[in-house]
PDB file of N, CA and C in Angstrom:
ATOM      1  N   MET A   1       0.827  -1.201   0.000  1.00  0.00           N
ATOM      2  CA  MET A   1       0.000   0.000   0.000  1.00  0.00           C
ATOM      3  C   MET A   1       0.864   1.254   0.000  1.00  0.00           C
ATOM      4  N   LEU A   2       1.897   1.286   0.815  1.00  0.00           N
ATOM      5  CA  LEU A   2       2.741   2.472   0.896  1.00  0.00           C
ATOM      6  C   LEU A   2       3.505   2.721  -0.382  1.00  0.00           C
ATOM      7  N   VAL A   3       3.836   1.659  -1.130  1.00  0.00           N
ATOM      8  CA  VAL A   3       4.517   1.845  -2.406  1.00  0.00           C
ATOM      9  C   VAL A   3       3.592   2.588  -3.364  1.00  0.00           C
ATOM     10  N   GLY A   4       2.330   2.211  -3.381  1.00  0.00           N
ATOM     11  CA  GLY A   4       1.365   2.893  -4.232  1.00  0.00           C
ATOM     12  C   GLY A   4       1.196   4.354  -3.846  1.00  0.00           C
ATOM     13  N   LEU A   5       1.252   4.614  -2.542  1.00  0.00           N
ATOM     14  CA  LEU A   5       1.152   5.993  -2.069  1.00  0.00           C
ATOM     15  C   LEU A   5       2.324   6.832  -2.572  1.00  0.00           C
ATOM     16  N   GLY A   6       3.500   6.229  -2.624  1.00  0.00           N
ATOM     17  CA  GLY A   6       4.682   6.936  -3.111  1.00  0.00           C
ATOM     18  C   GLY A   6       4.546   7.355  -4.567  1.00  0.00           C
ATOM     19  N   TYR A   7       3.852   6.556  -5.349  1.00  0.00           N
ATOM     20  CA  TYR A   7       3.667   6.893  -6.762  1.00  0.00           C
ATOM     21  C   TYR A   7       2.501   7.859  -6.987  1.00  0.00           C
ATOM     22  N   THR A   8       1.535   7.873  -6.081  1.00  0.00           N
ATOM     23  CA  THR A   8       0.388   8.770  -6.264  1.00  0.00           C
ATOM     24  C   THR A   8       0.589  10.130  -5.593  1.00  0.00           C
ATOM     25  N   TYR A   9       1.470  10.189  -4.599  1.00  0.00           N
ATOM     26  CA  TYR A   9       1.664  11.429  -3.848  1.00  0.00           C
ATOM     27  C   TYR A   9       2.036  12.630  -4.726  1.00  0.00           C
ATOM     28  N   PRO A  10       2.925  12.474  -5.724  1.00  0.00           N
ATOM     29  CA  PRO A  10       3.223  13.633  -6.576  1.00  0.00           C
ATOM     30  C   PRO A  10       1.983  14.165  -7.285  1.00  0.00           C
ATOM     31  N   PHE A  11       1.082  13.264  -7.658  1.00  0.00           N
ATOM     32  CA  PHE A  11      -0.133  13.693  -8.344  1.00  0.00           C
ATOM     33  C   PHE A  11      -1.111  14.370  -7.389  1.00  0.00           C
ATOM     34  N   VAL A  12      -1.100  13.959  -6.121  1.00  0.00           N
ATOM     35  CA  VAL A  12      -1.913  14.633  -5.106  1.00  0.00           C
ATOM     36  C   VAL A  12      -1.410  16.065  -4.937  1.00  0.00           C
ATOM     37  N   GLU A  13      -0.083  16.237  -4.844  1.00  0.00           N
ATOM     38  CA  GLU A  13       0.481  17.581  -4.729  1.00  0.00           C
ATOM     39  C   GLU A  13       0.186  18.406  -5.975  1.00  0.00           C
ATOM     40  N   LEU A  14       0.303  17.786  -7.140  1.00  0.00           N
ATOM     41  CA  LEU A  14       0.000  18.496  -8.391  1.00  0.00           C
ATOM     42  C   LEU A  14      -1.462  18.932  -8.425  1.00  0.00           C
ATOM     43  N   ALA A  15      -2.359  18.046  -8.018  1.00  0.00           N
ATOM     44  CA  ALA A  15      -3.784  18.383  -8.003  1.00  0.00           C
ATOM     45  C   ALA A  15      -4.057  19.542  -7.049  1.00  0.00           C
ATOM     46  N   LEU A  16      -3.436  19.534  -5.890  1.00  0.00           N
ATOM     47  CA  LEU A  16      -3.616  20.644  -4.945  1.00  0.00           C
ATOM     48  C   LEU A  16      -3.114  21.951  -5.540  1.00  0.00           C
ATOM     49  N   GLY A  17      -1.974  21.886  -6.223  1.00  0.00           N
ATOM     50  CA  GLY A  17      -1.435  23.087  -6.868  1.00  0.00           C
ATOM     51  C   GLY A  17      -2.351  23.623  -7.959  1.00  0.00           C
ATOM     52  N   VAL A  18      -2.894  22.720  -8.767  1.00  0.00           N
ATOM     53  CA  VAL A  18      -3.817  23.134  -9.833  1.00  0.00           C
ATOM     54  C   VAL A  18      -5.079  23.736  -9.239  1.00  0.00           C
ATOM     55  N   LEU A  19      -5.605  23.118  -8.187  1.00  0.00           N
ATOM     56  CA  LEU A  19      -6.797  23.662  -7.535  1.00  0.00           C
ATOM     57  C   LEU A  19      -6.525  25.061  -6.984  1.00  0.00           C
ATOM     58  N   CYS A  20      -5.332  25.270  -6.445  1.00  0.00           N
ATOM     59  CA  CYS A  20      -4.976  26.605  -5.941  1.00  0.00           C
ATOM     60  C   CYS A  20      -4.897  27.609  -7.090  1.00  0.00           C
ATOM     61  N   LEU A  21      -4.265  27.217  -8.191  1.00  0.00           N
ATOM     62  CA  LEU A  21      -4.142  28.116  -9.338  1.00  0.00           C
ATOM     63  C   LEU A  21      -5.496  28.480  -9.936  1.00  0.00           C
ATOM     64  N   LEU A  22      -6.395  27.510  -9.969  1.00  0.00           N
ATOM     65  CA  LEU A  22      -7.730  27.750 -10.522  1.00  0.00           C
ATOM     66  C   LEU A  22      -8.651  28.456  -9.539  1.00  0.00           C
ATOM     67  N   ASP A  23      -8.195  28.606  -8.307  1.00  0.00           N
ATOM     68  CA  ASP A  23      -8.990  29.208  -7.247  1.00  0.00           C
ATOM     69  C   ASP A  23     -10.323  28.472  -7.103  1.00  0.00           C
ATOM     70  N   TYR A  24     -10.245  27.142  -7.225  1.00  0.00           N
ATOM     71  CA  TYR A  24     -11.427  26.304  -7.146  1.00  0.00           C
ATOM     72  C   TYR A  24     -11.754  26.011  -5.689  1.00  0.00           C
ATOM     73  N   ASN A  25     -12.871  26.466  -5.227  1.00  0.00           N
ATOM     74  CA  ASN A  25     -13.355  26.239  -3.862  1.00  0.00           C
ATOM     75  C   ASN A  25     -12.208  26.390  -2.856  1.00  0.00           C
ATOM     76  N   PRO A  26     -11.706  27.612  -2.687  1.00  0.00           N
ATOM     77  CA  PRO A  26     -10.516  27.844  -1.861  1.00  0.00           C
ATOM     78  C   PRO A  26     -10.605  27.280  -0.450  1.00  0.00           C
ATOM     79  N   SER A  27     -11.768  27.283   0.131  1.00  0.00           N
ATOM     80  CA  SER A  27     -11.907  26.778   1.488  1.00  0.00           C
ATOM     81  C   SER A  27     -11.548  25.298   1.564  1.00  0.00           C
ATOM     82  N   VAL A  28     -12.081  24.512   0.661  1.00  0.00           N
ATOM     83  CA  VAL A  28     -11.802  23.073   0.634  1.00  0.00           C
ATOM     84  C   VAL A  28     -10.358  22.827   0.214  1.00  0.00           C
ATOM     85  N   THR A  29      -9.888  23.543  -0.796  1.00  0.00           N
ATOM     86  CA  THR A  29      -8.516  23.372  -1.281  1.00  0.00           C
ATOM     87  C   THR A  29      -7.507  23.661  -0.176  1.00  0.00           C
ATOM     88  N   ASN A  30      -7.704  24.744   0.555  1.00  0.00           N
ATOM     89  CA  ASN A  30      -6.775  25.090   1.628  1.00  0.00           C
ATOM     90  C   ASN A  30      -6.833  24.084   2.772  1.00  0.00           C
ATOM     91  N   CYS A  31      -8.012  23.595   3.087  1.00  0.00           N
ATOM     92  CA  CYS A  31      -8.132  22.567   4.137  1.00  0.00           C
ATOM     93  C   CYS A  31      -7.414  21.284   3.719  1.00  0.00           C
ATOM     94  N   LEU A  32      -7.607  20.871   2.478  1.00  0.00           N
ATOM     95  CA  LEU A  32      -6.943  19.669   1.987  1.00  0.00           C
ATOM     96  C   LEU A  32      -5.426  19.840   1.973  1.00  0.00           C
ATOM     97  N   THR A  33      -4.961  21.003   1.513  1.00  0.00           N
ATOM     98  CA  THR A  33      -3.523  21.271   1.484  1.00  0.00           C
ATOM     99  C   THR A  33      -2.950  21.247   2.887  1.00  0.00           C
ATOM    100  N   PHE A  34      -3.629  21.882   3.817  1.00  0.00           N
ATOM    101  CA  PHE A  34      -3.174  21.912   5.208  1.00  0.00           C
ATOM    102  C   PHE A  34      -3.085  20.493   5.778  1.00  0.00           C
ATOM    103  N   ALA A  35      -4.101  19.679   5.510  1.00  0.00           N
ATOM    104  CA  ALA A  35      -4.132  18.318   6.054  1.00  0.00           C
ATOM    105  C   ALA A  35      -3.068  17.425   5.406  1.00  0.00           C
ATOM    106  N   VAL A  36      -3.005  17.421   4.094  1.00  0.00           N
ATOM    107  CA  VAL A  36      -2.058  16.546   3.387  1.00  0.00           C
ATOM    108  C   VAL A  36      -0.619  16.928   3.709  1.00  0.00           C
ATOM    109  N   MET A  37      -0.305  18.209   3.623  1.00  0.00           N
ATOM    110  CA  MET A  37       1.075  18.632   3.869  1.00  0.00           C
ATOM    111  C   MET A  37       1.429  18.538   5.351  1.00  0.00           C
ATOM    112  N   GLY A  38       0.445  18.717   6.221  1.00  0.00           N
ATOM    113  CA  GLY A  38       0.693  18.564   7.655  1.00  0.00           C
ATOM    114  C   GLY A  38       1.042  17.131   8.005  1.00  0.00           C
ATOM    115  N   MET A  39       0.310  16.171   7.432  1.00  0.00           N
ATOM    116  CA  MET A  39       0.629  14.763   7.673  1.00  0.00           C
ATOM    117  C   MET A  39       1.974  14.396   7.052  1.00  0.00           C
ATOM    118  N   SER A  40       2.245  14.929   5.889  1.00  0.00           N
ATOM    119  CA  SER A  40       3.528  14.666   5.234  1.00  0.00           C
ATOM    120  C   SER A  40       4.683  15.200   6.073  1.00  0.00           C
ATOM    121  N   LYS A  41       4.470  16.384   6.662  1.00  0.00           N
ATOM    122  CA  LYS A  41       5.505  17.001   7.498  1.00  0.00           C
ATOM    123  C   LYS A  41       5.857  16.101   8.669  1.00  0.00           C
ATOM    124  N   ILE A  42       4.861  15.478   9.274  1.00  0.00           N
ATOM    125  CA  ILE A  42       5.104  14.587  10.413  1.00  0.00           C
ATOM    126  C   ILE A  42       5.977  13.407   9.982  1.00  0.00           C
ATOM    127  N   GLY A  43       5.667  12.823   8.847  1.00  0.00           N
ATOM    128  CA  GLY A  43       6.456  11.705   8.343  1.00  0.00           C
ATOM    129  C   GLY A  43       7.878  12.104   8.005  1.00  0.00           C
ATOM    130  N   VAL A  44       8.052  13.294   7.437  1.00  0.00           N
ATOM    131  CA  VAL A  44       9.389  13.776   7.081  1.00  0.00           C
ATOM    132  C   VAL A  44      10.213  14.000   8.342  1.00  0.00           C
ATOM    133  N   VAL A  45       9.616  14.613   9.353  1.00  0.00           N
ATOM    134  CA  VAL A  45      10.338  14.862  10.613  1.00  0.00           C
ATOM    135  C   VAL A  45      10.771  13.537  11.235  1.00  0.00           C
ATOM    136  N   GLN A  46       9.874  12.560  11.264  1.00  0.00           N
ATOM    137  CA  GLN A  46      10.216  11.249  11.822  1.00  0.00           C
ATOM    138  C   GLN A  46      11.370  10.609  11.047  1.00  0.00           C
ATOM    139  N   SER A  47      11.334  10.697   9.742  1.00  0.00           N
ATOM    140  CA  SER A  47      12.387  10.107   8.920  1.00  0.00           C
ATOM    141  C   SER A  47      13.721  10.809   9.123  1.00  0.00           C
ATOM    142  N   LEU A  48      13.690  12.129   9.227  1.00  0.00           N
ATOM    143  CA  LEU A  48      14.940  12.875   9.422  1.00  0.00           C
ATOM    144  C   LEU A  48      15.521  12.620  10.807  1.00  0.00           C
ATOM    145  N   LEU A  49      14.665  12.522  11.824  1.00  0.00           N
ATOM    146  CA  LEU A  49      15.161  12.281  13.183  1.00  0.00           C
ATOM    147  C   LEU A  49      15.777  10.890  13.340  1.00  0.00           C
ATOM    148  N   THR A  50      15.212   9.905  12.663  1.00  0.00           N
ATOM    149  CA  THR A  50      15.747   8.545  12.755  1.00  0.00           C
ATOM    150  C   THR A  50      16.837   8.292  11.721  1.00  0.00           C
ATOM    151  N   LYS A  51      17.122   9.304  10.893  1.00  0.00           N
ATOM    152  CA  LYS A  51      18.167   9.240   9.864  1.00  0.00           C
ATOM    153  C   LYS A  51      17.962   8.085   8.884  1.00  0.00           C
ATOM    154  N   ARG A  52      16.689   7.817   8.576  1.00  0.00           N
ATOM    155  CA  ARG A  52      16.399   6.795   7.571  1.00  0.00           C
ATOM    156  C   ARG A  52      16.669   7.371   6.189  1.00  0.00           C
ATOM    157  N   LYS A  53      17.192   6.556   5.326  1.00  0.00           N
ATOM    158  CA  LYS A  53      17.483   6.958   3.950  1.00  0.00           C
ATOM    159  C   LYS A  53      16.281   6.602   3.075  1.00  0.00           C
ATOM    160  N   LEU A  54      15.389   7.563   2.885  1.00  0.00           N
ATOM    161  CA  LEU A  54      14.199   7.363   2.065  1.00  0.00           C
ATOM    162  C   LEU A  54      14.236   8.278   0.864  1.00  0.00           C
ATOM    163  N   GLN A  55      13.496   7.892  -0.162  1.00  0.00           N
ATOM    164  CA  GLN A  55      13.367   8.752  -1.332  1.00  0.00           C
ATOM    165  C   GLN A  55      12.284   9.784  -1.058  1.00  0.00           C
ATOM    166  N   CYS A  56      12.490  10.974  -1.552  1.00  0.00           N
ATOM    167  CA  CYS A  56      11.512  12.050  -1.410  1.00  0.00           C
ATOM    168  C   CYS A  56      10.211  11.621  -2.084  1.00  0.00           C
ATOM    169  N   ALA A  57       9.091  11.884  -1.429  1.00  0.00           N
ATOM    170  CA  ALA A  57       7.797  11.448  -1.959  1.00  0.00           C
ATOM    171  C   ALA A  57       7.387  12.229  -3.199  1.00  0.00           C
ATOM    172  N   CYS A  58       7.816  13.483  -3.309  1.00  0.00           N
ATOM    173  CA  CYS A  58       7.343  14.299  -4.426  1.00  0.00           C
ATOM    174  C   CYS A  58       7.870  13.791  -5.765  1.00  0.00           C
ATOM    175  N   LEU A  59       9.172  13.629  -5.899  1.00  0.00           N
ATOM    176  CA  LEU A  59       9.739  13.110  -7.141  1.00  0.00           C
ATOM    177  C   LEU A  59      10.777  12.028  -6.901  1.00  0.00           C
ATOM    178  N   GLY A  60      10.886  11.558  -5.681  1.00  0.00           N
ATOM    179  CA  GLY A  60      11.897  10.570  -5.349  1.00  0.00           C
ATOM    180  C   GLY A  60      11.715   9.236  -6.044  1.00  0.00           C
ATOM    181  N   ALA A  61      10.484   8.868  -6.319  1.00  0.00           N
ATOM    182  CA  ALA A  61      10.236   7.593  -6.981  1.00  0.00           C
ATOM    183  C   ALA A  61      10.715   7.623  -8.427  1.00  0.00           C
ATOM    184  N   VAL A  62      10.745   8.787  -9.034  1.00  0.00           N
ATOM    185  CA  VAL A  62      11.145   8.906 -10.429  1.00  0.00           C
ATOM    186  C   VAL A  62      12.621   9.269 -10.558  1.00  0.00           C
ATOM    187  N   PHE A  63      13.074  10.270  -9.800  1.00  0.00           N
ATOM    188  CA  PHE A  63      14.433  10.785  -9.942  1.00  0.00           C
ATOM    189  C   PHE A  63      15.391  10.335  -8.840  1.00  0.00           C
ATOM    190  N   LYS A  64      14.940   9.498  -7.918  1.00  0.00           N
ATOM    191  CA  LYS A  64      15.766   8.997  -6.813  1.00  0.00           C
ATOM    192  C   LYS A  64      16.354  10.120  -5.967  1.00  0.00           C
ATOM    193  N   LEU A  65      15.528  11.093  -5.651  1.00  0.00           N
ATOM    194  CA  LEU A  65      15.952  12.197  -4.792  1.00  0.00           C
ATOM    195  C   LEU A  65      15.806  11.784  -3.334  1.00  0.00           C
ATOM    196  N   PRO A  66      16.834  12.008  -2.506  1.00  0.00           N
ATOM    197  CA  PRO A  66      16.714  11.645  -1.096  1.00  0.00           C
ATOM    198  C   PRO A  66      15.865  12.660  -0.327  1.00  0.00           C
ATOM    199  N   MET A  67      15.212  12.186   0.726  1.00  0.00           N
ATOM    200  CA  MET A  67      14.457  13.079   1.598  1.00  0.00           C
ATOM    201  C   MET A  67      15.460  13.902   2.398  1.00  0.00           C
ATOM    202  N   SER A  68      15.228  15.201   2.478  1.00  0.00           N
ATOM    203  CA  SER A  68      16.186  16.068   3.152  1.00  0.00           C
ATOM    204  C   SER A  68      15.459  17.172   3.908  1.00  0.00           C
ATOM    205  N   LYS A  69      16.241  18.081   4.455  1.00  0.00           N
ATOM    206  CA  LYS A  69      15.658  19.230   5.149  1.00  0.00           C
ATOM    207  C   LYS A  69      14.867  20.101   4.179  1.00  0.00           C
ATOM    208  N   MET A  70      15.213  20.052   2.903  1.00  0.00           N
ATOM    209  CA  MET A  70      14.468  20.814   1.903  1.00  0.00           C
ATOM    210  C   MET A  70      13.044  20.268   1.762  1.00  0.00           C
ATOM    211  N   THR A  71      12.893  18.962   1.894  1.00  0.00           N
ATOM    212  CA  THR A  71      11.557  18.351   1.872  1.00  0.00           C
ATOM    213  C   THR A  71      10.735  18.869   3.046  1.00  0.00           C
ATOM    214  N   LEU A  72      11.366  18.934   4.203  1.00  0.00           N
ATOM    215  CA  LEU A  72      10.691  19.456   5.390  1.00  0.00           C
ATOM    216  C   LEU A  72      10.327  20.927   5.191  1.00  0.00           C
ATOM    217  N   PHE A  73      11.237  21.706   4.613  1.00  0.00           N
ATOM    218  CA  PHE A  73      10.973  23.123   4.359  1.00  0.00           C
ATOM    219  C   PHE A  73       9.778  23.287   3.434  1.00  0.00           C
ATOM    220  N   GLU A  74       9.697  22.457   2.397  1.00  0.00           N
ATOM    221  CA  GLU A  74       8.570  22.528   1.462  1.00  0.00           C
ATOM    222  C   GLU A  74       7.249  22.266   2.185  1.00  0.00           C
ATOM    223  N   ASP A  75       7.219  21.217   3.007  1.00  0.00           N
ATOM    224  CA  ASP A  75       5.992  20.862   3.716  1.00  0.00           C
ATOM    225  C   ASP A  75       5.589  21.950   4.716  1.00  0.00           C
ATOM    226  N   VAL A  76       6.562  22.450   5.463  1.00  0.00           N
ATOM    227  CA  VAL A  76       6.272  23.501   6.450  1.00  0.00           C
ATOM    228  C   VAL A  76       5.772  24.763   5.742  1.00  0.00           C
ATOM    229  N   LEU A  77       6.377  25.106   4.621  1.00  0.00           N
ATOM    230  CA  LEU A  77       5.966  26.300   3.879  1.00  0.00           C
ATOM    231  C   LEU A  77       4.535  26.163   3.356  1.00  0.00           C
ATOM    232  N   MET A  78       4.190  24.982   2.848  1.00  0.00           N
ATOM    233  CA  MET A  78       2.829  24.770   2.345  1.00  0.00           C
ATOM    234  C   MET A  78       1.797  24.855   3.471  1.00  0.00           C
ATOM    235  N   VAL A  79       2.129  24.295   4.627  1.00  0.00           N
ATOM    236  CA  VAL A  79       1.222  24.382   5.778  1.00  0.00           C
ATOM    237  C   VAL A  79       1.113  25.829   6.235  1.00  0.00           C
ATOM    238  N   ALA A  80       2.254  26.523   6.270  1.00  0.00           N
ATOM    239  CA  ALA A  80       2.261  27.921   6.715  1.00  0.00           C
ATOM    240  C   ALA A  80       1.472  28.828   5.773  1.00  0.00           C
ATOM    241  N   MET A  81       1.418  28.496   4.496  1.00  0.00           N
ATOM    242  CA  MET A  81       0.655  29.312   3.549  1.00  0.00           C
ATOM    243  C   MET A  81      -0.825  28.956   3.560  1.00  0.00           C
ATOM    244  N   SER A  82      -1.139  27.672   3.662  1.00  0.00           N
ATOM    245  CA  SER A  82      -2.543  27.264   3.553  1.00  0.00           C
ATOM    246  C   SER A  82      -3.343  27.636   4.804  1.00  0.00           C
ATOM    247  N   GLY A  83      -2.703  27.654   5.957  1.00  0.00           N
ATOM    248  CA  GLY A  83      -3.414  28.017   7.191  1.00  0.00           C
ATOM    249  C   GLY A  83      -3.978  29.427   7.158  1.00  0.00           C
ATOM    250  N   PRO A  84      -3.130  30.449   6.953  1.00  0.00           N
ATOM    251  CA  PRO A  84      -3.649  31.819   6.886  1.00  0.00           C
ATOM    252  C   PRO A  84      -4.597  32.047   5.710  1.00  0.00           C
ATOM    253  N   MET A  85      -4.354  31.359   4.589  1.00  0.00           N
ATOM    254  CA  MET A  85      -5.257  31.515   3.445  1.00  0.00           C
ATOM    255  C   MET A  85      -6.641  30.985   3.785  1.00  0.00           C
ATOM    256  N   GLN A  86      -6.691  29.912   4.560  1.00  0.00           N
ATOM    257  CA  GLN A  86      -7.973  29.355   4.973  1.00  0.00           C
ATOM    258  C   GLN A  86      -8.724  30.356   5.852  1.00  0.00           C
ATOM    259  N   LEU A  87      -7.998  31.045   6.717  1.00  0.00           N
ATOM    260  CA  LEU A  87      -8.643  32.026   7.596  1.00  0.00           C
ATOM    261  C   LEU A  87      -9.270  33.168   6.810  1.00  0.00           C
ATOM    262  N   MET A  88      -8.720  33.484   5.642  1.00  0.00           N
ATOM    263  CA  MET A  88      -9.281  34.548   4.810  1.00  0.00           C
ATOM    264  C   MET A  88     -10.669  34.169   4.283  1.00  0.00           C
ATOM    265  N   TYR A  89     -10.932  32.870   4.136  1.00  0.00           N
ATOM    266  CA  TYR A  89     -12.193  32.430   3.544  1.00  0.00           C
ATOM    267  C   TYR A  89     -13.237  32.029   4.577  1.00  0.00           C
ATOM    268  N   LEU A  90     -12.938  32.186   5.848  1.00  0.00           N
ATOM    269  CA  LEU A  90     -13.926  31.846   6.868  1.00  0.00           C
ATOM    270  C   LEU A  90     -14.956  32.938   7.033  1.00  0.00           C
TER     271      LEU A  90
END
């Protein structure tokens, strides 16, 4: 199951990005982005703390990119942007 998640995760991120660009139902899009990237952030932190050598979920399955602090920065930045954006639509 987790292998399949690794191959679908880039498309989930792409879909969230497209929904943001299209400004499609911003409330739902921001909630989904906050939830998906927040859960991803937890997994990245756990992997970095235990020093496991994993491939990055975004493009690691295709380009063999290792998970790094940059992966964590991406996830934290997405959560930090989607949270305040969600508050604008309440």
